Amino acid sequence: MTNIESKHGTVSRQPHELYMAFTDLSNFTKMLPEDKRSMVTADFDTLTATVQGFNIGVKVHERVPYSRIELVDYGAPFAFHVVLHFDPAKEDPYKTDFWIGVEADLNLMMKMMLSGKVKDALDKVVDGLVDASNGKMPEGVDLSKWGM
């Protein structure tokens, strides 16, 4: 198994607020630009997308209120496990230390090709969430649709 961990980011929301925004996977489609929404389908527990011609999906494996959401592969070409962490920030309990861990069953070639790209993508998700919580919104993203 290959383990990949994102950077940690301090999000300007309390852990329970951030957790609740992520608990319903259908919320993710609201964050996408209109032209990308047709490639993603989601409900409360599952999300599937077409990425570069590949169908990939996740489903909720476990929700631990206000601290962790675990996702597993759902019709993906390889097995993986994703954990979203919502820890109280040490410097401010009204903020969240957010990070993402991924464990994937990748062969050596896939590991060499994908590990860096996955790490970069995870870091961008964390950076984007931190920026959004501080009022720096990427174009086309509206957090008010998430209740934030």
C-alpha atoms as a PDB file:
ATOM      1  CA  MET A   1       0.000   0.000   0.000  1.00  0.00           C
ATOM      2  CA  THR A   2       1.100   3.517  -0.793  1.00  0.00           C
ATOM      3  CA  ASN A   3       0.468   6.175   1.868  1.00  0.00           C
ATOM      4  CA  ILE A   4       0.135   9.806   0.834  1.00  0.00           C
ATOM      5  CA  GLU A   5      -0.571  12.631   3.255  1.00  0.00           C
ATOM      6  CA  SER A   6      -1.478  16.209   2.414  1.00  0.00           C
ATOM      7  CA  LYS A   7      -0.059  19.204   4.166  1.00  0.00           C
ATOM      8  CA  HIS A   8      -1.952  20.450   7.215  1.00  0.00           C
ATOM      9  CA  GLY A   9      -3.936  23.655   6.829  1.00  0.00           C
ATOM     10  CA  THR A  10      -5.669  25.854   9.387  1.00  0.00           C
ATOM     11  CA  VAL A  11      -9.235  26.497   8.253  1.00  0.00           C
ATOM     12  CA  SER A  12     -11.083  29.445   9.762  1.00  0.00           C
ATOM     13  CA  ARG A  13     -14.069  27.346  10.806  1.00  0.00           C
ATOM     14  CA  GLN A  14     -14.695  25.173  13.846  1.00  0.00           C
ATOM     15  CA  PRO A  15     -14.264  21.424  13.321  1.00  0.00           C
ATOM     16  CA  HIS A  16     -17.993  20.720  13.585  1.00  0.00           C
ATOM     17  CA  GLU A  17     -18.810  23.363  10.942  1.00  0.00           C
ATOM     18  CA  LEU A  18     -16.275  21.993   8.483  1.00  0.00           C
ATOM     19  CA  TYR A  19     -17.213  18.384   9.198  1.00  0.00           C
ATOM     20  CA  MET A  20     -20.891  19.085   8.522  1.00  0.00           C
ATOM     21  CA  ALA A  21     -20.051  20.680   5.148  1.00  0.00           C
ATOM     22  CA  PHE A  22     -18.199  17.509   4.103  1.00  0.00           C
ATOM     23  CA  THR A  23     -20.534  14.890   5.568  1.00  0.00           C
ATOM     24  CA  ASP A  24     -22.955  15.002   2.592  1.00  0.00           C
ATOM     25  CA  LEU A  25     -21.029  14.085  -0.577  1.00  0.00           C
ATOM     26  CA  SER A  26     -23.639  15.760  -2.775  1.00  0.00           C
ATOM     27  CA  ASN A  27     -22.274  19.097  -1.499  1.00  0.00           C
ATOM     28  CA  PHE A  28     -19.164  18.564  -3.637  1.00  0.00           C
ATOM     29  CA  THR A  29     -21.122  19.007  -6.849  1.00  0.00           C
ATOM     30  CA  LYS A  30     -22.200  22.458  -5.659  1.00  0.00           C
ATOM     31  CA  MET A  31     -18.552  23.525  -5.528  1.00  0.00           C
ATOM     32  CA  LEU A  32     -17.874  22.622  -9.172  1.00  0.00           C
ATOM     33  CA  PRO A  33     -18.112  25.084 -12.030  1.00  0.00           C
ATOM     34  CA  GLU A  34     -21.247  24.537 -14.135  1.00  0.00           C
ATOM     35  CA  ASP A  35     -19.311  23.044 -17.058  1.00  0.00           C
ATOM     36  CA  LYS A  36     -17.798  20.318 -14.830  1.00  0.00           C
ATOM     37  CA  ARG A  37     -20.963  19.237 -13.021  1.00  0.00           C
ATOM     38  CA  SER A  38     -22.052  16.826 -15.757  1.00  0.00           C
ATOM     39  CA  MET A  39     -18.933  14.701 -15.085  1.00  0.00           C
ATOM     40  CA  VAL A  40     -19.837  14.147 -11.411  1.00  0.00           C
ATOM     41  CA  THR A  41     -22.806  12.485  -9.739  1.00  0.00           C
ATOM     42  CA  ALA A  42     -23.269  12.321  -6.001  1.00  0.00           C
ATOM     43  CA  ASP A  43     -25.704  11.572  -3.222  1.00  0.00           C
ATOM     44  CA  PHE A  44     -25.303  11.632   0.564  1.00  0.00           C
ATOM     45  CA  ASP A  45     -22.981   8.587   0.691  1.00  0.00           C
ATOM     46  CA  THR A  46     -21.423   8.227  -2.783  1.00  0.00           C
ATOM     47  CA  LEU A  47     -19.685  10.311  -5.410  1.00  0.00           C
ATOM     48  CA  THR A  48     -18.632   9.185  -8.897  1.00  0.00           C
ATOM     49  CA  ALA A  49     -16.724  11.143 -11.513  1.00  0.00           C
ATOM     50  CA  THR A  50     -15.143  10.722 -14.909  1.00  0.00           C
ATOM     51  CA  VAL A  51     -11.538  11.917 -14.802  1.00  0.00           C
ATOM     52  CA  GLN A  52      -9.457  11.799 -17.972  1.00  0.00           C
ATOM     53  CA  GLY A  53     -11.694   9.057 -19.352  1.00  0.00           C
ATOM     54  CA  PHE A  54     -11.629   6.920 -16.184  1.00  0.00           C
ATOM     55  CA  ASN A  55     -14.633   6.385 -13.947  1.00  0.00           C
ATOM     56  CA  ILE A  56     -13.713   6.717 -10.301  1.00  0.00           C
ATOM     57  CA  GLY A  57     -15.931   6.722  -7.261  1.00  0.00           C
ATOM     58  CA  VAL A  58     -15.891   6.966  -3.500  1.00  0.00           C
ATOM     59  CA  LYS A  59     -18.368   6.007  -0.842  1.00  0.00           C
ATOM     60  CA  VAL A  60     -18.460   6.819   2.844  1.00  0.00           C
ATOM     61  CA  HIS A  61     -17.004   4.021   4.933  1.00  0.00           C
ATOM     62  CA  GLU A  62     -17.293   5.736   8.315  1.00  0.00           C
ATOM     63  CA  ARG A  63     -18.258   9.093   9.796  1.00  0.00           C
ATOM     64  CA  VAL A  64     -16.853   9.989  13.207  1.00  0.00           C
ATOM     65  CA  PRO A  65     -18.768  13.139  14.132  1.00  0.00           C
ATOM     66  CA  TYR A  66     -16.758  16.317  13.977  1.00  0.00           C
ATOM     67  CA  SER A  67     -13.348  14.628  13.668  1.00  0.00           C
ATOM     68  CA  ARG A  68     -13.057  12.258  10.703  1.00  0.00           C
ATOM     69  CA  ILE A  69     -14.758  11.039   7.535  1.00  0.00           C
ATOM     70  CA  GLU A  70     -13.425   7.900   5.883  1.00  0.00           C
ATOM     71  CA  LEU A  71     -14.045   7.150   2.208  1.00  0.00           C
ATOM     72  CA  VAL A  72     -13.275   3.995   0.234  1.00  0.00           C
ATOM     73  CA  ASP A  73     -13.125   3.239  -3.477  1.00  0.00           C
ATOM     74  CA  TYR A  74     -16.412   2.657  -5.242  1.00  0.00           C
ATOM     75  CA  GLY A  75     -15.992   1.322  -8.753  1.00  0.00           C
ATOM     76  CA  ALA A  76     -12.439   2.621  -9.098  1.00  0.00           C
ATOM     77  CA  PRO A  77      -9.718   0.826 -11.078  1.00  0.00           C
ATOM     78  CA  PHE A  78      -7.684   0.283  -7.866  1.00  0.00           C
ATOM     79  CA  ALA A  79      -8.372   0.047  -4.133  1.00  0.00           C
ATOM     80  CA  PHE A  80      -7.912   3.144  -1.980  1.00  0.00           C
ATOM     81  CA  HIS A  81      -8.933   4.614   1.359  1.00  0.00           C
ATOM     82  CA  VAL A  82      -9.197   8.364   2.055  1.00  0.00           C
ATOM     83  CA  VAL A  83      -9.469   9.963   5.492  1.00  0.00           C
ATOM     84  CA  LEU A  84     -10.501  13.600   5.951  1.00  0.00           C
ATOM     85  CA  HIS A  85      -9.305  14.898   9.334  1.00  0.00           C
ATOM     86  CA  PHE A  86     -11.009  17.748  11.217  1.00  0.00           C
ATOM     87  CA  ASP A  87      -8.901  18.402  14.315  1.00  0.00           C
ATOM     88  CA  PRO A  88      -9.211  21.455  16.570  1.00  0.00           C
ATOM     89  CA  ALA A  89      -6.331  23.814  15.781  1.00  0.00           C
ATOM     90  CA  LYS A  90      -3.843  24.034  18.633  1.00  0.00           C
ATOM     91  CA  GLU A  91      -3.499  27.809  18.334  1.00  0.00           C
ATOM     92  CA  ASP A  92      -7.243  28.524  18.161  1.00  0.00           C
ATOM     93  CA  PRO A  93     -10.069  26.101  19.092  1.00  0.00           C
ATOM     94  CA  TYR A  94     -12.411  28.043  16.782  1.00  0.00           C
ATOM     95  CA  LYS A  95     -10.335  26.919  13.788  1.00  0.00           C
ATOM     96  CA  THR A  96      -9.673  23.484  12.286  1.00  0.00           C
ATOM     97  CA  ASP A  97      -6.437  21.694  11.490  1.00  0.00           C
ATOM     98  CA  PHE A  98      -7.550  20.022   8.247  1.00  0.00           C
ATOM     99  CA  TRP A  99      -5.599  17.393   6.361  1.00  0.00           C
ATOM    100  CA  ILE A 100      -6.192  14.402   4.104  1.00  0.00           C
ATOM    101  CA  GLY A 101      -4.613  10.962   4.225  1.00  0.00           C
ATOM    102  CA  VAL A 102      -4.756   8.480   1.341  1.00  0.00           C
ATOM    103  CA  GLU A 103      -3.810   4.819   1.309  1.00  0.00           C
ATOM    104  CA  ALA A 104      -3.851   3.288  -2.183  1.00  0.00           C
ATOM    105  CA  ASP A 105      -3.062  -0.109  -3.643  1.00  0.00           C
ATOM    106  CA  LEU A 106      -0.720   1.038  -6.428  1.00  0.00           C
ATOM    107  CA  ASN A 107       1.804  -1.059  -8.303  1.00  0.00           C
ATOM    108  CA  LEU A 108       5.325   0.336  -8.606  1.00  0.00           C
ATOM    109  CA  MET A 109       4.737   2.014 -11.972  1.00  0.00           C
ATOM    110  CA  MET A 110       1.462   3.625 -10.866  1.00  0.00           C
ATOM    111  CA  LYS A 111       3.107   4.718  -7.613  1.00  0.00           C
ATOM    112  CA  MET A 112       5.916   6.446  -9.532  1.00  0.00           C
ATOM    113  CA  MET A 113       3.483   8.094 -11.959  1.00  0.00           C
ATOM    114  CA  LEU A 114       0.733   9.110  -9.542  1.00  0.00           C
ATOM    115  CA  SER A 115       2.107   9.671  -6.022  1.00  0.00           C
ATOM    116  CA  GLY A 116       3.458  13.157  -6.675  1.00  0.00           C
ATOM    117  CA  LYS A 117       0.355  14.215  -8.591  1.00  0.00           C
ATOM    118  CA  VAL A 118      -1.956  12.927  -5.856  1.00  0.00           C
ATOM    119  CA  LYS A 119       0.091  14.724  -3.166  1.00  0.00           C
ATOM    120  CA  ASP A 120      -0.039  17.970  -5.190  1.00  0.00           C
ATOM    121  CA  ALA A 121      -3.798  17.611  -5.686  1.00  0.00           C
ATOM    122  CA  LEU A 122      -4.383  16.966  -1.969  1.00  0.00           C
ATOM    123  CA  ASP A 123      -2.259  19.984  -1.044  1.00  0.00           C
ATOM    124  CA  LYS A 124      -4.261  22.138  -3.478  1.00  0.00           C
ATOM    125  CA  VAL A 125      -7.513  20.993  -1.858  1.00  0.00           C
ATOM    126  CA  VAL A 126      -6.174  21.959   1.579  1.00  0.00           C
ATOM    127  CA  ASP A 127      -4.835  25.307   0.308  1.00  0.00           C
ATOM    128  CA  GLY A 128      -8.115  26.048  -1.461  1.00  0.00           C
ATOM    129  CA  LEU A 129     -10.147  25.300   1.638  1.00  0.00           C
ATOM    130  CA  VAL A 130      -7.876  27.457   3.810  1.00  0.00           C
ATOM    131  CA  ASP A 131      -8.059  30.304   1.275  1.00  0.00           C
ATOM    132  CA  ALA A 132     -11.843  29.998   0.959  1.00  0.00           C
ATOM    133  CA  SER A 133     -12.269  30.106   4.736  1.00  0.00           C
ATOM    134  CA  ASN A 134     -10.274  33.349   4.735  1.00  0.00           C
ATOM    135  CA  GLY A 135     -12.387  34.949   2.006  1.00  0.00           C
ATOM    136  CA  LYS A 136     -10.117  34.186  -0.974  1.00  0.00           C
ATOM    137  CA  MET A 137     -12.523  32.384  -3.250  1.00  0.00           C
ATOM    138  CA  PRO A 138     -11.443  30.651  -6.446  1.00  0.00           C
ATOM    139  CA  GLU A 139     -13.444  31.744  -9.481  1.00  0.00           C
ATOM    140  CA  GLY A 140     -16.797  29.990  -9.733  1.00  0.00           C
ATOM    141  CA  VAL A 141     -16.875  28.709  -6.135  1.00  0.00           C
ATOM    142  CA  ASP A 142     -19.602  29.815  -3.748  1.00  0.00           C
ATOM    143  CA  LEU A 143     -19.300  28.467  -0.188  1.00  0.00           C
ATOM    144  CA  SER A 144     -22.702  29.885   0.723  1.00  0.00           C
ATOM    145  CA  LYS A 145     -24.120  26.842  -1.076  1.00  0.00           C
ATOM    146  CA  TRP A 146     -22.450  24.771   1.643  1.00  0.00           C
ATOM    147  CA  GLY A 147     -23.927  26.895   4.408  1.00  0.00           C
ATOM    148  CA  MET A 148     -20.577  28.603   5.038  1.00  0.00           C
END
